[in-house]
PDB file of all heavy atoms in Angstrom:
ATOM      1  N   ARG A   1      -0.359   3.748  52.006  1.00  0.00           N
ATOM      2  CA  ARG A   1      -0.843   4.262  50.700  1.00  0.00           C
ATOM      3  C   ARG A   1      -2.108   3.501  50.421  1.00  0.00           C
ATOM      4  O   ARG A   1      -2.138   2.299  50.584  1.00  0.00           O
ATOM      5  CB  ARG A   1       0.170   3.963  49.565  1.00  0.00           C
ATOM      6  CG  ARG A   1       1.500   4.522  49.838  1.00  0.00           C
ATOM      7  CD  ARG A   1       1.672   6.044  49.604  1.00  0.00           C
ATOM      8  NE  ARG A   1       2.917   6.551  49.919  1.00  0.00           N
ATOM      9  CZ  ARG A   1       3.964   6.712  49.101  1.00  0.00           C
ATOM     10  NH1 ARG A   1       3.808   6.321  47.806  1.00  0.00           N
ATOM     11  NH2 ARG A   1       5.068   7.193  49.494  1.00  0.00           N
ATOM     12  N   VAL A   2      -3.132   4.258  50.056  1.00  0.00           N
ATOM     13  CA  VAL A   2      -4.450   3.640  49.823  1.00  0.00           C
ATOM     14  C   VAL A   2      -5.074   4.236  48.516  1.00  0.00           C
ATOM     15  O   VAL A   2      -4.993   5.461  48.309  1.00  0.00           O
ATOM     16  CB  VAL A   2      -5.477   3.869  50.990  1.00  0.00           C
ATOM     17  CG1 VAL A   2      -6.825   3.238  50.737  1.00  0.00           C
ATOM     18  CG2 VAL A   2      -4.885   3.299  52.264  1.00  0.00           C
ATOM     19  N   ALA A   3      -5.630   3.411  47.733  1.00  0.00           N
ATOM     20  CA  ALA A   3      -6.441   3.823  46.549  1.00  0.00           C
ATOM     21  C   ALA A   3      -7.809   3.115  46.823  1.00  0.00           C
ATOM     22  O   ALA A   3      -7.903   1.907  46.842  1.00  0.00           O
ATOM     23  CB  ALA A   3      -5.850   3.344  45.297  1.00  0.00           C
ATOM     24  N   ALA A   4      -8.796   3.983  47.096  1.00  0.00           N
ATOM     25  CA  ALA A   4     -10.098   3.381  47.369  1.00  0.00           C
ATOM     26  C   ALA A   4     -11.168   4.421  47.007  1.00  0.00           C
ATOM     27  O   ALA A   4     -10.989   5.625  46.997  1.00  0.00           O
ATOM     28  CB  ALA A   4     -10.242   3.113  48.793  1.00  0.00           C
ATOM     29  N   SER A   5     -12.342   3.904  46.755  1.00  0.00           N
ATOM     30  CA  SER A   5     -13.493   4.877  46.437  1.00  0.00           C
ATOM     31  C   SER A   5     -14.786   4.148  46.757  1.00  0.00           C
ATOM     32  O   SER A   5     -14.813   2.955  46.830  1.00  0.00           O
ATOM     33  CB  SER A   5     -13.436   5.273  44.974  1.00  0.00           C
ATOM     34  OG  SER A   5     -13.503   4.152  44.140  1.00  0.00           O
ATOM     35  N   SER A   6     -15.827   4.978  46.977  1.00  0.00           N
ATOM     36  CA  SER A   6     -17.129   4.358  47.171  1.00  0.00           C
ATOM     37  C   SER A   6     -18.096   5.243  46.427  1.00  0.00           C
ATOM     38  O   SER A   6     -18.279   6.366  46.697  1.00  0.00           O
ATOM     39  CB  SER A   6     -17.457   4.332  48.678  1.00  0.00           C
ATOM     40  OG  SER A   6     -17.396   5.551  49.260  1.00  0.00           O
ATOM     41  N   PHE A   7     -18.723   4.584  45.418  1.00  0.00           N
ATOM     42  CA  PHE A   7     -19.647   5.310  44.546  1.00  0.00           C
ATOM     43  C   PHE A   7     -19.090   6.467  43.768  1.00  0.00           C
ATOM     44  O   PHE A   7     -19.832   7.379  43.475  1.00  0.00           O
ATOM     45  CB  PHE A   7     -20.928   5.675  45.375  1.00  0.00           C
ATOM     46  CG  PHE A   7     -21.470   4.482  46.150  1.00  0.00           C
ATOM     47  CD1 PHE A   7     -21.482   4.401  47.500  1.00  0.00           C
ATOM     48  CD2 PHE A   7     -22.148   3.500  45.365  1.00  0.00           C
ATOM     49  CE1 PHE A   7     -21.999   3.407  48.080  1.00  0.00           C
ATOM     50  CE2 PHE A   7     -22.729   2.404  46.053  1.00  0.00           C
ATOM     51  CZ  PHE A   7     -22.689   2.374  47.390  1.00  0.00           C
ATOM     52  N   GLY A   8     -17.817   6.551  43.531  1.00  0.00           N
ATOM     53  CA  GLY A   8     -17.123   7.605  42.821  1.00  0.00           C
ATOM     54  C   GLY A   8     -16.802   8.745  43.697  1.00  0.00           C
ATOM     55  O   GLY A   8     -17.281   8.894  44.710  1.00  0.00           O
ATOM     56  N   PRO A   9     -15.852   9.667  43.300  1.00  0.00           N
ATOM     57  CA  PRO A   9     -15.182   9.505  42.059  1.00  0.00           C
ATOM     58  C   PRO A   9     -14.199   8.323  42.044  1.00  0.00           C
ATOM     59  O   PRO A   9     -13.716   8.081  43.110  1.00  0.00           O
ATOM     60  CB  PRO A   9     -14.361  10.853  41.935  1.00  0.00           C
ATOM     61  CG  PRO A   9     -14.289  11.357  43.270  1.00  0.00           C
ATOM     62  CD  PRO A   9     -15.514  10.809  44.059  1.00  0.00           C
ATOM     63  N   TRP A  10     -13.976   7.696  40.995  1.00  0.00           N
ATOM     64  CA  TRP A  10     -13.196   6.506  40.977  1.00  0.00           C
ATOM     65  C   TRP A  10     -11.703   6.791  41.107  1.00  0.00           C
ATOM     66  O   TRP A  10     -11.208   7.815  40.567  1.00  0.00           O
ATOM     67  CB  TRP A  10     -13.539   5.720  39.705  1.00  0.00           C
ATOM     68  CG  TRP A  10     -14.989   5.602  39.605  1.00  0.00           C
ATOM     69  CD1 TRP A  10     -15.812   6.095  38.604  1.00  0.00           C
ATOM     70  CD2 TRP A  10     -15.914   4.872  40.445  1.00  0.00           C
ATOM     71  NE1 TRP A  10     -17.083   5.877  38.808  1.00  0.00           N
ATOM     72  CE2 TRP A  10     -17.216   5.141  40.001  1.00  0.00           C
ATOM     73  CE3 TRP A  10     -15.805   4.184  41.566  1.00  0.00           C
ATOM     74  CZ2 TRP A  10     -18.309   4.551  40.577  1.00  0.00           C
ATOM     75  CZ3 TRP A  10     -16.869   3.583  42.177  1.00  0.00           C
ATOM     76  CH2 TRP A  10     -18.153   3.843  41.683  1.00  0.00           C
ATOM     77  N   GLU A  11     -10.993   5.891  41.647  1.00  0.00           N
ATOM     78  CA  GLU A  11      -9.560   6.110  41.831  1.00  0.00           C
ATOM     79  C   GLU A  11      -8.617   5.560  40.755  1.00  0.00           C
ATOM     80  O   GLU A  11      -7.467   5.883  40.693  1.00  0.00           O
ATOM     81  CB  GLU A  11      -9.110   5.333  43.172  1.00  0.00           C
ATOM     82  CG  GLU A  11      -9.560   6.016  44.433  1.00  0.00           C
ATOM     83  CD  GLU A  11      -8.693   7.202  44.856  1.00  0.00           C
ATOM     84  OE1 GLU A  11      -7.488   7.186  44.567  1.00  0.00           O
ATOM     85  OE2 GLU A  11      -9.235   8.045  45.457  1.00  0.00           O
ATOM     86  N   PHE A  12      -9.181   4.794  39.897  1.00  0.00           N
ATOM     87  CA  PHE A  12      -8.314   4.065  39.037  1.00  0.00           C
ATOM     88  C   PHE A  12      -8.599   4.505  37.522  1.00  0.00           C
ATOM     89  O   PHE A  12      -9.702   4.789  37.174  1.00  0.00           O
ATOM     90  CB  PHE A  12      -8.580   2.494  39.022  1.00  0.00           C
ATOM     91  CG  PHE A  12      -8.392   2.067  40.460  1.00  0.00           C
ATOM     92  CD1 PHE A  12      -9.495   1.778  41.320  1.00  0.00           C
ATOM     93  CD2 PHE A  12      -7.064   1.685  40.957  1.00  0.00           C
ATOM     94  CE1 PHE A  12      -9.269   1.383  42.612  1.00  0.00           C
ATOM     95  CE2 PHE A  12      -6.917   1.297  42.245  1.00  0.00           C
ATOM     96  CZ  PHE A  12      -7.984   1.119  43.092  1.00  0.00           C
ATOM     97  N   TRP A  13      -7.498   4.572  36.775  1.00  0.00           N
ATOM     98  CA  TRP A  13      -7.571   4.878  35.311  1.00  0.00           C
ATOM     99  C   TRP A  13      -6.881   3.706  34.585  1.00  0.00           C
ATOM    100  O   TRP A  13      -5.946   3.030  35.146  1.00  0.00           O
ATOM    101  CB  TRP A  13      -6.712   6.209  35.063  1.00  0.00           C
ATOM    102  CG  TRP A  13      -7.564   7.422  35.286  1.00  0.00           C
ATOM    103  CD1 TRP A  13      -8.148   8.095  34.326  1.00  0.00           C
ATOM    104  CD2 TRP A  13      -7.944   8.011  36.584  1.00  0.00           C
ATOM    105  NE1 TRP A  13      -8.904   9.233  34.881  1.00  0.00           N
ATOM    106  CE2 TRP A  13      -8.687   9.131  36.203  1.00  0.00           C
ATOM    107  CE3 TRP A  13      -7.707   7.699  37.855  1.00  0.00           C
ATOM    108  CZ2 TRP A  13      -9.264   9.948  37.217  1.00  0.00           C
ATOM    109  CZ3 TRP A  13      -8.211   8.529  38.804  1.00  0.00           C
ATOM    110  CH2 TRP A  13      -8.941   9.590  38.449  1.00  0.00           C
ATOM    111  N   PRO A  14      -7.201   3.549  33.360  1.00  0.00           N
ATOM    112  CA  PRO A  14      -6.600   2.364  32.603  1.00  0.00           C
ATOM    113  C   PRO A  14      -5.215   2.705  32.217  1.00  0.00           C
ATOM    114  O   PRO A  14      -4.829   3.895  31.899  1.00  0.00           O
ATOM    115  CB  PRO A  14      -7.536   2.265  31.395  1.00  0.00           C
ATOM    116  CG  PRO A  14      -8.146   3.587  31.184  1.00  0.00           C
ATOM    117  CD  PRO A  14      -8.350   4.173  32.608  1.00  0.00           C
ATOM    118  N   GLY A  15      -4.304   1.724  32.229  1.00  0.00           N
ATOM    119  CA  GLY A  15      -2.975   1.844  31.644  1.00  0.00           C
ATOM    120  C   GLY A  15      -1.919   1.860  32.762  1.00  0.00           C
ATOM    121  O   GLY A  15      -2.191   1.923  33.936  1.00  0.00           O
ATOM    122  N   PRO A  16      -0.666   1.731  32.317  1.00  0.00           N
ATOM    123  CA  PRO A  16       0.474   1.660  33.145  1.00  0.00           C
ATOM    124  C   PRO A  16       0.795   3.077  33.703  1.00  0.00           C
ATOM    125  O   PRO A  16       0.407   4.121  33.170  1.00  0.00           O
ATOM    126  CB  PRO A  16       1.553   1.113  32.326  1.00  0.00           C
ATOM    127  CG  PRO A  16       1.247   1.689  30.991  1.00  0.00           C
ATOM    128  CD  PRO A  16      -0.306   1.606  30.915  1.00  0.00           C
ATOM    129  N   ILE A  17       1.447   3.082  34.839  1.00  0.00           N
ATOM    130  CA  ILE A  17       1.919   4.308  35.479  1.00  0.00           C
ATOM    131  C   ILE A  17       3.499   4.375  35.446  1.00  0.00           C
ATOM    132  O   ILE A  17       4.111   3.289  35.404  1.00  0.00           O
ATOM    133  CB  ILE A  17       1.458   4.632  36.841  1.00  0.00           C
ATOM    134  CG1 ILE A  17       1.740   3.455  37.798  1.00  0.00           C
ATOM    135  CG2 ILE A  17      -0.075   4.826  36.836  1.00  0.00           C
ATOM    136  CD1 ILE A  17       1.423   3.707  39.243  1.00  0.00           C
ATOM    137  N   ASP A  18       4.119   5.548  35.463  1.00  0.00           N
ATOM    138  CA  ASP A  18       5.555   5.603  35.483  1.00  0.00           C
ATOM    139  C   ASP A  18       5.996   5.595  36.939  1.00  0.00           C
ATOM    140  O   ASP A  18       5.107   5.465  37.872  1.00  0.00           O
ATOM    141  CB  ASP A  18       6.093   6.873  34.755  1.00  0.00           C
ATOM    142  CG  ASP A  18       5.589   8.153  35.343  1.00  0.00           C
ATOM    143  OD1 ASP A  18       5.212   8.209  36.559  1.00  0.00           O
ATOM    144  OD2 ASP A  18       5.645   9.165  34.648  1.00  0.00           O
ATOM    145  N   ASP A  19       7.310   5.687  37.220  1.00  0.00           N
ATOM    146  CA  ASP A  19       7.827   5.623  38.547  1.00  0.00           C
ATOM    147  C   ASP A  19       7.275   6.738  39.494  1.00  0.00           C
ATOM    148  O   ASP A  19       7.325   6.582  40.739  1.00  0.00           O
ATOM    149  CB  ASP A  19       9.332   5.743  38.477  1.00  0.00           C
ATOM    150  CG  ASP A  19       9.932   4.406  38.014  1.00  0.00           C
ATOM    151  OD1 ASP A  19       9.293   3.428  37.964  1.00  0.00           O
ATOM    152  OD2 ASP A  19      11.079   4.498  37.475  1.00  0.00           O
ATOM    153  N   ALA A  20       6.834   7.850  38.920  1.00  0.00           N
ATOM    154  CA  ALA A  20       6.307   8.984  39.681  1.00  0.00           C
ATOM    155  C   ALA A  20       4.737   8.795  39.951  1.00  0.00           C
ATOM    156  O   ALA A  20       4.207   9.693  40.555  1.00  0.00           O
ATOM    157  CB  ALA A  20       6.588  10.322  38.967  1.00  0.00           C
ATOM    158  N   GLY A  21       4.186   7.765  39.390  1.00  0.00           N
ATOM    159  CA  GLY A  21       2.711   7.463  39.603  1.00  0.00           C
ATOM    160  C   GLY A  21       1.866   8.206  38.565  1.00  0.00           C
ATOM    161  O   GLY A  21       0.704   8.256  38.733  1.00  0.00           O
ATOM    162  N   ASN A  22       2.511   8.598  37.438  1.00  0.00           N
ATOM    163  CA  ASN A  22       1.692   9.273  36.393  1.00  0.00           C
ATOM    164  C   ASN A  22       1.293   8.385  35.278  1.00  0.00           C
ATOM    165  O   ASN A  22       2.155   7.536  34.879  1.00  0.00           O
ATOM    166  CB  ASN A  22       2.548  10.403  35.912  1.00  0.00           C
ATOM    167  CG  ASN A  22       2.822  11.483  36.921  1.00  0.00           C
ATOM    168  OD1 ASN A  22       1.928  11.862  37.622  1.00  0.00           O
ATOM    169  ND2 ASN A  22       4.086  11.876  37.068  1.00  0.00           N
ATOM    170  N   PRO A  23       0.159   8.453  34.773  1.00  0.00           N
ATOM    171  CA  PRO A  23      -0.309   7.581  33.675  1.00  0.00           C
ATOM    172  C   PRO A  23       0.212   8.100  32.355  1.00  0.00           C
ATOM    173  O   PRO A  23       0.852   9.119  32.255  1.00  0.00           O
ATOM    174  CB  PRO A  23      -1.850   7.784  33.661  1.00  0.00           C
ATOM    175  CG  PRO A  23      -1.974   9.169  34.210  1.00  0.00           C
ATOM    176  CD  PRO A  23      -0.900   9.409  35.166  1.00  0.00           C
ATOM    177  N   PRO A  24       0.072   7.276  31.281  1.00  0.00           N
ATOM    178  CA  PRO A  24       0.513   7.692  29.969  1.00  0.00           C
ATOM    179  C   PRO A  24      -0.240   8.972  29.471  1.00  0.00           C
ATOM    180  O   PRO A  24      -1.270   9.282  30.100  1.00  0.00           O
ATOM    181  CB  PRO A  24       0.292   6.449  29.131  1.00  0.00           C
ATOM    182  CG  PRO A  24      -0.860   5.700  29.811  1.00  0.00           C
ATOM    183  CD  PRO A  24      -0.658   6.002  31.252  1.00  0.00           C
ATOM    184  N   SER A  25       0.263   9.567  28.471  1.00  0.00           N
ATOM    185  CA  SER A  25      -0.410  10.770  27.994  1.00  0.00           C
ATOM    186  C   SER A  25      -1.814  10.425  27.401  1.00  0.00           C
ATOM    187  O   SER A  25      -2.597  11.207  27.312  1.00  0.00           O
ATOM    188  CB  SER A  25       0.453  11.435  26.934  1.00  0.00           C
ATOM    189  OG  SER A  25       0.782  10.645  25.857  1.00  0.00           O
ATOM    190  N   ASP A  26      -1.899   9.167  26.864  1.00  0.00           N
ATOM    191  CA  ASP A  26      -3.257   8.793  26.324  1.00  0.00           C
ATOM    192  C   ASP A  26      -3.536   7.340  26.888  1.00  0.00           C
ATOM    193  O   ASP A  26      -2.884   6.391  26.712  1.00  0.00           O
ATOM    194  CB  ASP A  26      -3.110   8.677  24.798  1.00  0.00           C
ATOM    195  CG  ASP A  26      -4.472   8.285  24.145  1.00  0.00           C
ATOM    196  OD1 ASP A  26      -5.450   8.219  24.781  1.00  0.00           O
ATOM    197  OD2 ASP A  26      -4.453   8.007  22.898  1.00  0.00           O
ATOM    198  N   CYS A  27      -4.606   7.295  27.553  1.00  0.00           N
ATOM    199  CA  CYS A  27      -5.016   5.940  28.215  1.00  0.00           C
ATOM    200  C   CYS A  27      -5.993   5.160  27.305  1.00  0.00           C
ATOM    201  O   CYS A  27      -6.328   4.068  27.715  1.00  0.00           O
ATOM    202  CB  CYS A  27      -5.741   6.216  29.574  1.00  0.00           C
ATOM    203  SG  CYS A  27      -4.580   6.899  30.831  1.00  0.00           S
ATOM    204  N   THR A  28      -6.420   5.784  26.227  1.00  0.00           N
ATOM    205  CA  THR A  28      -7.422   5.135  25.426  1.00  0.00           C
ATOM    206  C   THR A  28      -7.039   3.736  24.969  1.00  0.00           C
ATOM    207  O   THR A  28      -7.947   2.850  25.162  1.00  0.00           O
ATOM    208  CB  THR A  28      -7.707   6.000  24.158  1.00  0.00           C
ATOM    209  OG1 THR A  28      -7.968   7.277  24.555  1.00  0.00           O
ATOM    210  CG2 THR A  28      -8.788   5.434  23.298  1.00  0.00           C
ATOM    211  N   PRO A  29      -5.867   3.342  24.564  1.00  0.00           N
ATOM    212  CA  PRO A  29      -5.574   1.995  24.239  1.00  0.00           C
ATOM    213  C   PRO A  29      -5.751   0.969  25.342  1.00  0.00           C
ATOM    214  O   PRO A  29      -5.842  -0.167  25.110  1.00  0.00           O
ATOM    215  CB  PRO A  29      -4.076   2.022  23.766  1.00  0.00           C
ATOM    216  CG  PRO A  29      -3.738   3.405  23.558  1.00  0.00           C
ATOM    217  CD  PRO A  29      -4.717   4.229  24.391  1.00  0.00           C
ATOM    218  N   TYR A  30      -5.669   1.435  26.547  1.00  0.00           N
ATOM    219  CA  TYR A  30      -5.852   0.554  27.790  1.00  0.00           C
ATOM    220  C   TYR A  30      -7.193   0.571  28.263  1.00  0.00           C
ATOM    221  O   TYR A  30      -7.510  -0.248  29.189  1.00  0.00           O
ATOM    222  CB  TYR A  30      -4.847   1.012  28.800  1.00  0.00           C
ATOM    223  CG  TYR A  30      -3.461   1.238  28.314  1.00  0.00           C
ATOM    224  CD1 TYR A  30      -2.961   2.553  28.096  1.00  0.00           C
ATOM    225  CD2 TYR A  30      -2.680   0.173  28.053  1.00  0.00           C
ATOM    226  CE1 TYR A  30      -1.695   2.719  27.648  1.00  0.00           C
ATOM    227  CE2 TYR A  30      -1.371   0.366  27.506  1.00  0.00           C
ATOM    228  CZ  TYR A  30      -0.914   1.652  27.381  1.00  0.00           C
ATOM    229  OH  TYR A  30       0.338   1.865  26.921  1.00  0.00           O
ATOM    230  N   ASP A  31      -8.263   1.278  27.708  1.00  0.00           N
ATOM    231  CA  ASP A  31      -9.548   1.324  28.295  1.00  0.00           C
ATOM    232  C   ASP A  31     -10.336   0.140  27.756  1.00  0.00           C
ATOM    233  O   ASP A  31     -11.190   0.257  26.892  1.00  0.00           O
ATOM    234  CB  ASP A  31     -10.201   2.643  27.937  1.00  0.00           C
ATOM    235  CG  ASP A  31     -11.495   2.813  28.626  1.00  0.00           C
ATOM    236  OD1 ASP A  31     -11.751   2.089  29.591  1.00  0.00           O
ATOM    237  OD2 ASP A  31     -12.242   3.754  28.278  1.00  0.00           O
ATOM    238  N   GLN A  32      -9.961  -1.029  28.208  1.00  0.00           N
ATOM    239  CA  GLN A  32     -10.639  -2.295  27.803  1.00  0.00           C
ATOM    240  C   GLN A  32     -10.470  -3.352  28.930  1.00  0.00           C
ATOM    241  O   GLN A  32      -9.628  -3.145  29.858  1.00  0.00           O
ATOM    242  CB  GLN A  32     -10.125  -2.754  26.504  1.00  0.00           C
ATOM    243  CG  GLN A  32      -8.613  -3.062  26.459  1.00  0.00           C
ATOM    244  CD  GLN A  32      -8.217  -3.471  25.054  1.00  0.00           C
ATOM    245  OE1 GLN A  32      -8.823  -4.281  24.449  1.00  0.00           O
ATOM    246  NE2 GLN A  32      -7.114  -2.824  24.597  1.00  0.00           N
TER     247      GLN A  32
END
């Protein structure tokens, strides 16, 4: 399993993920 990028598009989003690999419905509180 690999998460990588070069000059975008970026692989990472802010916030925790669930067991299925999905982010929360709103990542705004974690964008810091």
